[in-house]
Amino acid sequence: MEYGLPSMKSIKSLKSLVKKRNNAQEVSKSGWMKPFLALMCTALLIFWYKTTNIQFEQTEIEETDYPFDMAKESEPITDRLKGLPRGIIQSRSDLELKPLWSRSSLRLKGVEMTNRNLLAIPVGIKQKGNVDAIVKKFLPANFTIVLFHYDGKMDQWWDLEWSSKAIHIVAQNQTKWWFAKRFLHPDVVSIYDYIFLWDEDLGVENFEPERYLKIVKSEGFEISQPALDHNSTEIHHKITLRSRTKKFHRRVYINRGKKKCSNSSEDPPCTGFVEGMAPVFSRAAWFCTWNLIQNDLVHGWGMDMKLGYCAQGDRTKKVGIVDSEYIFHQGIQTLGESVHSAKKTTAREVGTRRHGHTTFDSRTEIRRQSTWELKTFKERWKQAVEEDKNWIDPSSSSSVKKRKSNDNTRRLRRGSSHRVKHKRA
């Protein structure tokens, strides 16, 4: 019997058999592979969701413990601190006075931090009596007191019973914002819940700090101020004027004049506005405000119109005026008072001759400087907005519409949820 090469027919039948077997295997594989892949994808999605949720919760915890976002500074600071063991590093401070000695029992227990709020005031000796009245209101409420002595006469304050409990900082002829920029850095005041940066000429007969803070916290005000008494010497904006029928307000309504304010108004000073004489900042709002203060523009003109950007959200809701706890603004200007000089005045110095001396009118020069700083601040803001292509103005019309749309959506969801619960009940 002879064996020759397989015929073409037998080869085709063999190929057909192999192909069918392969197809059967592929069908078998695809039959269990699809459910397996679907299961794997589901498991990965669940793992991703849980991981993201844990990271989000951890971020919220970290933000609560460390309210200031220091991510941009962490890398270079870490590089500079490589010579230290990590556990010994303390990146924050405070303005609490520490005893030179204490009993051993207190050292073992540690001193608990009770002062969680800060009052900082620029002061001159002529307003000593008024400042004394202000501080006596705040000390019982466990406030830390910082006095910025702009006239250099710190030694004349030691006779006050509370003076040794306050922090005294001296710098001749410097403004409130100059002091704040240099001595109230966010890392230094991070333990305080609220920072009161007040002027020295405020009457506090109708003001109680604890009641004020209770309202601020309940209403979620990140930036606020007490309303001004109607008899105050200087009232520059109607929104700061006290309403006798309200506990607080967020906006003002004006129908007369060039500037009209209505429910649709979104810009200061119609809403989202406090004035510079008695602002109160939350910890987070102060972090933003401190960065807004220009190092060389010391009078702060123009800043009040931009403080709403530091309100940590919608300035029409998170900035407010408290009416039930109000103050009296005396409008006394003592910083840079007219001084006597034996030198002859220059062309720019406005003065008069008195008893052979020249009186230099510093108030006129201060106003000129303030006006120039206002112009400079506005120009810097405009330039910064133009250069930062990624910045989106939260108060722009599109942002406001989006925010209102989101608010309406939340209201509808809450309403539907309430109806569902009511039906179930």
Protein backbone atom coordinates (compact mmCIF):
# COMPACT_ATOMS: atom_id res chain seq x y z
CA MET A 1 0.00 0.00 0.00
CA GLU A 2 1.45 3.29 -1.01
CA TYR A 3 1.34 6.41 1.10
CA GLY A 4 1.37 9.66 -0.80
CA LEU A 5 0.78 13.32 0.08
CA PRO A 6 -2.64 14.15 1.55
CA SER A 7 -5.17 15.36 -0.92
CA MET A 8 -6.37 18.96 -1.05
CA LYS A 9 -9.80 17.85 0.17
CA SER A 10 -8.43 16.25 3.32
CA ILE A 11 -6.32 19.38 4.05
CA LYS A 12 -9.37 21.62 3.79
CA SER A 13 -11.38 19.38 6.10
CA LEU A 14 -8.52 19.44 8.65
CA LYS A 15 -8.34 23.25 8.54
CA SER A 16 -12.09 23.46 8.97
CA LEU A 17 -11.91 21.21 12.04
CA VAL A 18 -9.13 23.31 13.62
CA LYS A 19 -11.03 26.55 12.90
CA LYS A 20 -14.20 25.21 14.51
CA ARG A 21 -12.24 24.12 17.57
CA ASN A 22 -10.63 27.57 17.85
CA ASN A 23 -14.00 29.28 17.45
CA ALA A 24 -15.46 27.10 20.16
CA GLN A 25 -12.59 28.02 22.47
CA GLU A 26 -13.00 31.73 21.70
CA VAL A 27 -16.74 31.52 22.40
CA SER A 28 -15.98 29.72 25.65
CA LYS A 29 -13.43 32.35 26.62
CA SER A 30 -15.70 35.26 25.73
CA GLY A 31 -18.47 33.65 27.72
CA TRP A 32 -16.59 33.97 31.02
CA MET A 33 -14.32 36.92 30.13
CA LYS A 34 -17.11 39.49 29.76
CA PRO A 35 -18.61 38.96 33.24
CA PHE A 36 -15.11 38.85 34.71
CA LEU A 37 -14.14 42.19 33.09
CA ALA A 38 -17.42 43.76 34.21
CA LEU A 39 -16.77 42.54 37.76
CA MET A 40 -13.22 43.92 37.68
CA CYS A 41 -14.42 47.30 36.42
CA THR A 42 -17.06 47.47 39.14
CA ALA A 43 -14.48 46.62 41.80
CA LEU A 44 -12.09 49.26 40.47
CA LEU A 45 -14.86 51.90 40.45
CA ILE A 46 -15.80 51.06 44.05
CA PHE A 47 -12.13 51.20 45.08
CA TRP A 48 -11.64 54.54 43.30
CA TYR A 49 -14.76 56.02 44.90
CA LYS A 50 -13.80 54.94 48.41
CA THR A 51 -10.23 56.16 47.97
CA THR A 52 -11.41 59.54 46.66
CA ASN A 53 -13.94 59.85 49.49
CA ILE A 54 -11.29 59.03 52.11
CA GLN A 55 -8.92 61.58 50.58
CA PHE A 56 -11.68 64.20 50.59
CA GLU A 57 -12.52 63.52 54.24
CA GLN A 58 -8.84 63.62 55.16
CA THR A 59 -8.47 66.96 53.35
CA GLU A 60 -11.41 68.37 55.31
CA ILE A 61 -9.84 67.20 58.58
CA GLU A 62 -6.50 68.74 57.65
CA GLU A 63 -8.18 72.02 56.67
CA THR A 64 -9.91 72.10 60.05
CA ASP A 65 -6.68 71.46 61.94
CA TYR A 66 -4.57 73.66 59.67
CA PRO A 67 -6.85 76.34 58.26
CA PHE A 68 -4.30 77.94 55.97
CA ASP A 69 -3.32 76.39 52.68
CA MET A 70 0.46 76.30 52.85
CA ALA A 71 0.99 73.87 49.95
CA LYS A 72 2.91 76.37 47.83
CA GLU A 73 5.32 77.11 50.66
CA SER A 74 5.77 73.56 51.95
CA GLU A 75 8.36 72.41 49.42
CA PRO A 76 10.89 75.26 49.72
CA ILE A 77 10.41 75.37 53.51
CA THR A 78 11.06 71.63 53.73
CA ASP A 79 14.25 72.06 51.71
CA ARG A 80 15.47 74.74 54.07
CA LEU A 81 14.63 72.65 57.12
CA LYS A 82 16.35 69.41 56.11
CA GLY A 83 18.78 69.82 59.00
CA LEU A 84 15.96 69.40 61.54
CA PRO A 85 14.01 66.28 62.50
CA ARG A 86 10.44 66.68 61.28
CA GLY A 87 8.83 66.26 64.71
CA ILE A 88 10.60 69.29 66.20
CA ILE A 89 9.38 71.77 63.55
CA GLN A 90 6.71 74.28 64.63
CA SER A 91 5.68 76.47 61.70
CA ARG A 92 3.18 78.63 63.59
CA SER A 93 3.23 80.95 66.56
CA ASP A 94 0.85 83.18 68.54
CA LEU A 95 0.72 86.42 70.49
CA GLU A 96 0.17 84.90 73.93
CA LEU A 97 2.39 86.08 76.77
CA LYS A 98 4.40 83.27 78.39
CA PRO A 99 5.44 83.27 82.07
CA LEU A 100 9.11 83.34 82.99
CA TRP A 101 8.35 80.77 85.69
CA SER A 102 5.44 78.61 86.78
CA ARG A 103 4.64 75.97 89.39
CA SER A 104 5.72 72.42 88.57
CA SER A 105 2.09 71.21 88.56
CA LEU A 106 1.20 73.76 85.87
CA ARG A 107 4.24 72.78 83.81
CA LEU A 108 3.18 69.14 83.88
CA LYS A 109 -0.42 69.88 82.93
CA GLY A 110 0.41 72.54 80.39
CA VAL A 111 -1.38 75.84 80.07
CA GLU A 112 -4.65 75.59 78.14
CA MET A 113 -5.27 78.16 75.44
CA THR A 114 -8.37 80.15 76.38
CA ASN A 115 -7.89 83.29 74.27
CA ARG A 116 -9.24 82.43 70.86
CA ASN A 117 -9.91 85.94 69.54
CA LEU A 118 -7.69 88.95 68.95
CA LEU A 119 -8.24 92.70 69.23
CA ALA A 120 -5.60 94.91 67.58
CA ILE A 121 -5.79 98.73 67.79
CA PRO A 122 -3.44 101.52 66.65
CA VAL A 123 -3.27 103.94 69.59
CA GLY A 124 -2.00 107.37 70.55
CA ILE A 125 -1.83 108.80 74.05
CA LYS A 126 -4.61 111.33 73.34
CA GLN A 127 -7.11 108.48 72.95
CA LYS A 128 -5.96 106.64 76.08
CA GLY A 129 -9.28 107.00 77.88
CA ASN A 130 -11.33 105.73 74.96
CA VAL A 131 -8.96 102.80 74.34
CA ASP A 132 -9.20 101.92 78.03
CA ALA A 133 -13.00 101.67 77.69
CA ILE A 134 -12.69 99.46 74.59
CA VAL A 135 -10.18 97.06 76.14
CA LYS A 136 -12.24 96.70 79.32
CA LYS A 137 -15.10 95.46 77.14
CA PHE A 138 -12.97 92.84 75.39
CA LEU A 139 -10.77 91.43 78.18
CA PRO A 140 -13.60 89.65 80.06
CA ALA A 141 -14.45 87.87 76.79
CA ASN A 142 -10.95 86.28 76.74
CA PHE A 143 -9.47 88.43 73.98
CA THR A 144 -5.77 88.88 73.38
CA ILE A 145 -5.05 92.61 73.14
CA VAL A 146 -2.42 94.13 70.84
CA LEU A 147 -1.73 97.87 70.88
CA PHE A 148 0.14 99.52 68.01
CA HIS A 149 1.67 102.72 69.44
CA TYR A 150 2.08 105.09 66.52
CA ASP A 151 3.18 108.06 68.65
CA GLY A 152 5.98 106.26 70.50
CA LYS A 153 4.52 107.04 73.97
CA MET A 154 4.16 103.49 75.23
CA ASP A 155 5.49 104.16 78.75
CA GLN A 156 2.50 106.34 79.57
CA TRP A 157 0.15 103.34 79.37
CA TRP A 158 1.61 101.28 82.21
CA ASP A 159 -0.66 102.81 84.86
CA LEU A 160 -3.69 101.02 83.37
CA GLU A 161 -4.48 97.81 85.26
CA TRP A 162 -4.64 95.68 82.11
CA SER A 163 -1.59 97.13 80.37
CA SER A 164 0.77 94.35 81.46
CA LYS A 165 -1.59 91.80 79.87
CA ALA A 166 -1.46 93.47 76.45
CA ILE A 167 1.14 93.23 73.68
CA HIS A 168 2.69 96.64 72.97
CA ILE A 169 4.34 97.37 69.61
CA VAL A 170 5.92 100.75 68.92
CA ALA A 171 6.66 102.38 65.56
CA GLN A 172 6.54 106.12 65.06
CA ASN A 173 3.86 107.50 62.68
CA GLN A 174 2.80 104.19 61.14
CA THR A 175 -0.73 103.21 60.15
CA LYS A 176 -2.97 100.34 61.18
CA TRP A 177 -2.37 98.46 57.94
CA TRP A 178 1.41 98.92 58.20
CA PHE A 179 1.35 97.32 61.66
CA ALA A 180 -1.04 94.56 60.59
CA LYS A 181 1.05 93.56 57.57
CA ARG A 182 4.18 93.23 59.69
CA PHE A 183 2.94 91.87 63.00
CA LEU A 184 -0.29 89.96 62.28
CA HIS A 185 1.03 87.40 59.82
CA PRO A 186 -1.50 84.54 59.38
CA ASP A 187 0.94 81.99 60.84
CA VAL A 188 1.28 84.13 63.97
CA VAL A 189 -2.47 84.66 64.50
CA SER A 190 -3.63 81.23 63.32
CA ILE A 191 -4.89 80.18 66.76
CA TYR A 192 -7.43 83.00 66.87
CA ASP A 193 -10.91 82.43 65.50
CA TYR A 194 -11.60 86.11 64.82
CA ILE A 195 -9.36 89.14 64.36
CA PHE A 196 -10.79 92.56 65.29
CA LEU A 197 -8.70 95.28 63.60
CA TRP A 198 -10.25 98.44 65.03
CA ASP A 199 -9.53 102.15 65.18
CA GLU A 200 -9.03 103.88 68.53
CA ASP A 201 -11.91 106.38 68.29
CA LEU A 202 -14.86 103.99 68.61
CA GLY A 203 -17.46 104.21 71.37
CA VAL A 204 -18.51 100.79 72.69
CA GLU A 205 -21.27 101.66 75.17
CA ASN A 206 -23.74 99.60 73.11
CA PHE A 207 -21.40 96.78 72.14
CA GLU A 208 -20.72 93.40 73.75
CA PRO A 209 -18.07 91.21 72.06
CA GLU A 210 -19.57 87.86 73.09
CA ARG A 211 -23.06 88.69 71.84
CA TYR A 212 -21.54 90.06 68.64
CA LEU A 213 -19.56 86.87 67.96
CA LYS A 214 -22.62 84.72 68.63
CA ILE A 215 -24.47 86.49 65.82
CA VAL A 216 -21.46 86.37 63.47
CA LYS A 217 -21.05 82.62 63.96
CA SER A 218 -24.74 81.81 63.63
CA GLU A 219 -25.04 83.78 60.38
CA GLY A 220 -21.78 82.53 58.89
CA PHE A 221 -20.19 85.97 58.47
CA GLU A 222 -16.53 85.65 57.47
CA ILE A 223 -16.11 89.44 57.36
CA SER A 224 -18.27 91.78 59.41
CA GLN A 225 -18.46 94.96 61.43
CA PRO A 226 -20.76 96.43 64.06
CA ALA A 227 -23.20 98.99 62.70
CA LEU A 228 -22.61 102.70 63.29
CA ASP A 229 -24.78 104.77 65.59
CA HIS A 230 -26.81 107.41 63.72
CA ASN A 231 -25.08 110.15 65.72
CA SER A 232 -21.61 109.07 64.60
CA THR A 233 -19.37 111.88 63.36
CA GLU A 234 -18.38 110.16 60.10
CA ILE A 235 -20.66 107.84 58.12
CA HIS A 236 -19.28 107.38 54.62
CA HIS A 237 -21.54 104.57 53.39
CA LYS A 238 -25.20 104.03 54.19
CA ILE A 239 -24.77 100.27 54.49
CA THR A 240 -22.80 100.71 57.72
CA LEU A 241 -25.60 102.73 59.35
CA ARG A 242 -27.49 100.91 62.08
CA SER A 243 -30.97 99.57 61.41
CA ARG A 244 -33.05 99.91 64.58
CA THR A 245 -35.40 97.07 63.59
CA LYS A 246 -32.87 94.38 62.63
CA LYS A 247 -30.32 92.19 64.36
CA PHE A 248 -28.05 92.31 61.28
CA HIS A 249 -28.18 93.12 57.57
CA ARG A 250 -26.24 92.19 54.46
CA ARG A 251 -27.32 94.90 52.01
CA VAL A 252 -28.71 98.40 51.77
CA TYR A 253 -31.43 99.88 49.57
CA ILE A 254 -30.88 103.29 47.96
CA ASN A 255 -33.29 104.88 45.46
CA ARG A 256 -31.84 108.39 45.27
CA GLY A 257 -28.62 109.78 43.87
CA LYS A 258 -26.17 108.34 41.38
CA LYS A 259 -25.56 105.08 43.26
CA LYS A 260 -28.74 103.01 43.48
CA CYS A 261 -28.94 99.79 45.48
CA SER A 262 -31.65 97.15 45.11
CA ASN A 263 -32.12 93.41 45.54
CA SER A 264 -30.33 92.86 42.24
CA SER A 265 -27.23 94.82 43.33
CA GLU A 266 -24.19 92.54 43.72
CA ASP A 267 -21.36 95.03 44.21
CA PRO A 268 -20.11 97.00 47.23
CA PRO A 269 -21.04 99.25 48.89
CA CYS A 270 -24.60 98.00 48.24
CA THR A 271 -23.72 94.57 49.62
CA GLY A 272 -20.64 92.57 50.58
CA PHE A 273 -19.06 95.62 52.21
CA VAL A 274 -17.52 96.70 55.52
CA GLU A 275 -15.55 99.86 56.19
CA GLY A 276 -11.97 100.07 57.38
CA MET A 277 -12.56 101.55 60.83
CA ALA A 278 -13.90 98.41 62.58
CA PRO A 279 -13.60 95.26 60.44
CA VAL A 280 -13.80 91.77 61.96
CA PHE A 281 -12.24 88.83 60.10
CA SER A 282 -12.54 85.09 60.51
CA ARG A 283 -9.29 83.16 60.50
CA ALA A 284 -9.65 82.15 56.85
CA ALA A 285 -10.76 85.62 55.76
CA TRP A 286 -7.77 87.20 57.50
CA PHE A 287 -5.37 84.89 55.68
CA CYS A 288 -6.75 86.21 52.40
CA THR A 289 -6.91 89.83 53.61
CA TRP A 290 -3.31 89.82 54.86
CA ASN A 291 -2.20 88.77 51.38
CA LEU A 292 -4.35 91.52 49.86
CA ILE A 293 -2.68 94.26 51.97
CA GLN A 294 -0.01 95.93 49.85
CA ASN A 295 3.28 96.20 51.70
CA ASP A 296 4.00 99.78 50.59
CA LEU A 297 0.45 101.19 50.47
CA VAL A 298 -0.06 101.85 54.15
CA HIS A 299 -3.33 103.84 54.25
CA GLY A 300 -5.46 100.99 52.90
CA TRP A 301 -7.59 103.18 50.63
CA GLY A 302 -9.51 101.09 48.08
CA MET A 303 -9.15 97.85 50.02
CA ASP A 304 -12.63 98.06 51.51
CA MET A 305 -14.16 97.61 48.05
CA LYS A 306 -12.16 94.41 47.52
CA LEU A 307 -12.48 92.76 50.94
CA GLY A 308 -15.52 90.82 49.70
CA TYR A 309 -13.20 88.71 47.56
CA CYS A 310 -11.80 87.34 50.84
CA ALA A 311 -15.21 86.28 52.17
CA GLN A 312 -14.55 82.59 51.38
CA GLY A 313 -17.56 82.38 49.09
CA ASP A 314 -20.55 84.51 48.19
CA ARG A 315 -19.82 87.98 49.57
CA THR A 316 -23.53 88.89 49.51
CA LYS A 317 -24.05 86.24 52.21
CA LYS A 318 -20.75 85.98 54.06
CA VAL A 319 -20.21 89.71 54.68
CA GLY A 320 -22.56 91.50 57.06
CA ILE A 321 -23.28 94.39 59.41
CA VAL A 322 -24.44 93.60 62.96
CA ASP A 323 -27.13 96.07 64.09
CA SER A 324 -27.93 94.84 67.59
CA GLU A 325 -24.31 95.37 68.72
CA TYR A 326 -23.34 98.79 67.43
CA ILE A 327 -20.60 101.38 67.94
CA PHE A 328 -20.21 105.15 67.86
CA HIS A 329 -17.58 106.49 65.43
CA GLN A 330 -16.07 109.69 66.80
CA GLY A 331 -14.03 110.46 63.67
CA ILE A 332 -11.02 111.78 65.61
CA GLN A 333 -7.86 111.88 63.49
CA THR A 334 -4.69 111.94 65.57
CA LEU A 335 -2.17 110.06 63.43
CA GLY A 336 0.17 112.56 61.78
CA GLU A 337 -1.11 115.64 63.58
CA SER A 338 0.37 119.03 62.71
CA VAL A 339 3.84 119.44 64.18
CA HIS A 340 6.04 122.47 64.76
CA SER A 341 9.28 122.88 62.86
CA ALA A 342 11.90 125.64 62.87
CA LYS A 343 12.74 124.95 59.25
CA LYS A 344 11.29 127.00 56.42
CA THR A 345 8.47 125.34 54.52
CA THR A 346 8.96 124.17 50.99
CA ALA A 347 6.57 124.84 48.12
CA ARG A 348 4.67 121.59 48.86
CA GLU A 349 4.33 122.24 52.57
CA VAL A 350 1.14 123.99 53.53
CA GLY A 351 1.61 125.87 56.81
CA THR A 352 1.22 129.03 58.80
CA ARG A 353 3.58 131.06 60.99
CA ARG A 354 2.84 130.88 64.71
CA HIS A 355 5.11 132.39 67.36
CA GLY A 356 8.07 132.24 65.03
CA HIS A 357 7.59 128.57 64.16
CA THR A 358 6.26 126.89 61.06
CA THR A 359 3.25 124.61 61.47
CA PHE A 360 3.39 121.80 58.94
CA ASP A 361 -0.09 120.66 57.91
CA SER A 362 0.54 116.94 57.78
CA ARG A 363 -3.16 116.09 57.36
CA THR A 364 -3.13 117.70 53.90
CA GLU A 365 -0.07 115.68 52.93
CA ILE A 366 -1.61 112.51 54.35
CA ARG A 367 -4.71 113.02 52.21
CA ARG A 368 -2.53 113.53 49.13
CA GLN A 369 -0.65 110.34 49.93
CA SER A 370 -3.89 108.42 50.53
CA THR A 371 -5.34 109.60 47.21
CA TRP A 372 -2.20 108.54 45.37
CA GLU A 373 -2.30 105.13 47.11
CA LEU A 374 -5.95 104.66 46.11
CA LYS A 375 -5.07 105.28 42.47
CA THR A 376 -2.06 102.96 42.69
CA PHE A 377 -4.10 100.18 44.33
CA LYS A 378 -6.75 100.34 41.61
CA GLU A 379 -4.09 100.20 38.90
CA ARG A 380 -2.42 97.18 40.53
CA TRP A 381 -5.74 95.35 40.82
CA LYS A 382 -6.56 96.01 37.19
CA GLN A 383 -3.12 94.86 36.05
CA ALA A 384 -3.27 91.73 38.22
CA VAL A 385 -6.66 90.78 36.74
CA GLU A 386 -5.36 91.28 33.19
CA GLU A 387 -2.22 89.22 33.80
CA ASP A 388 -3.86 86.30 35.61
CA LYS A 389 -5.62 84.51 32.77
CA ASN A 390 -6.82 81.71 35.08
CA TRP A 391 -8.60 84.03 37.52
CA ILE A 392 -12.38 84.09 37.29
CA ASP A 393 -14.15 86.95 39.01
CA PRO A 394 -16.68 85.31 41.37
CA SER A 395 -18.77 88.49 41.28
CA SER A 396 -19.04 88.59 37.49
CA SER A 397 -22.50 88.30 35.95
CA SER A 398 -21.90 84.75 34.66
CA SER A 399 -20.61 83.58 38.04
CA VAL A 400 -23.54 85.19 39.83
CA LYS A 401 -26.06 83.55 37.46
CA LYS A 402 -24.39 80.17 37.94
CA ARG A 403 -24.41 80.61 41.72
CA LYS A 404 -28.08 81.57 41.75
CA SER A 405 -28.90 78.61 39.52
CA ASN A 406 -27.08 76.28 41.92
CA ASP A 407 -28.89 77.84 44.88
CA ASN A 408 -32.25 77.31 43.18
CA THR A 409 -31.34 73.70 42.41
CA ARG A 410 -30.42 73.09 46.05
CA ARG A 411 -33.71 74.66 47.20
CA LEU A 412 -35.68 72.43 44.82
CA ARG A 413 -33.82 69.35 46.04
CA ARG A 414 -34.42 70.28 49.66
CA GLY A 415 -38.08 70.95 48.87
CA SER A 416 -38.56 67.61 47.10
CA SER A 417 -36.72 65.81 49.89
CA HIS A 418 -38.97 67.46 52.44
CA ARG A 419 -42.09 66.46 50.49
CA VAL A 420 -40.90 62.84 50.26
CA LYS A 421 -40.26 62.71 54.00
CA HIS A 422 -43.66 64.26 54.64
CA LYS A 423 -45.39 61.64 52.49
CA ARG A 424 -43.49 58.82 54.24
CA ALA A 425 -44.49 60.21 57.61
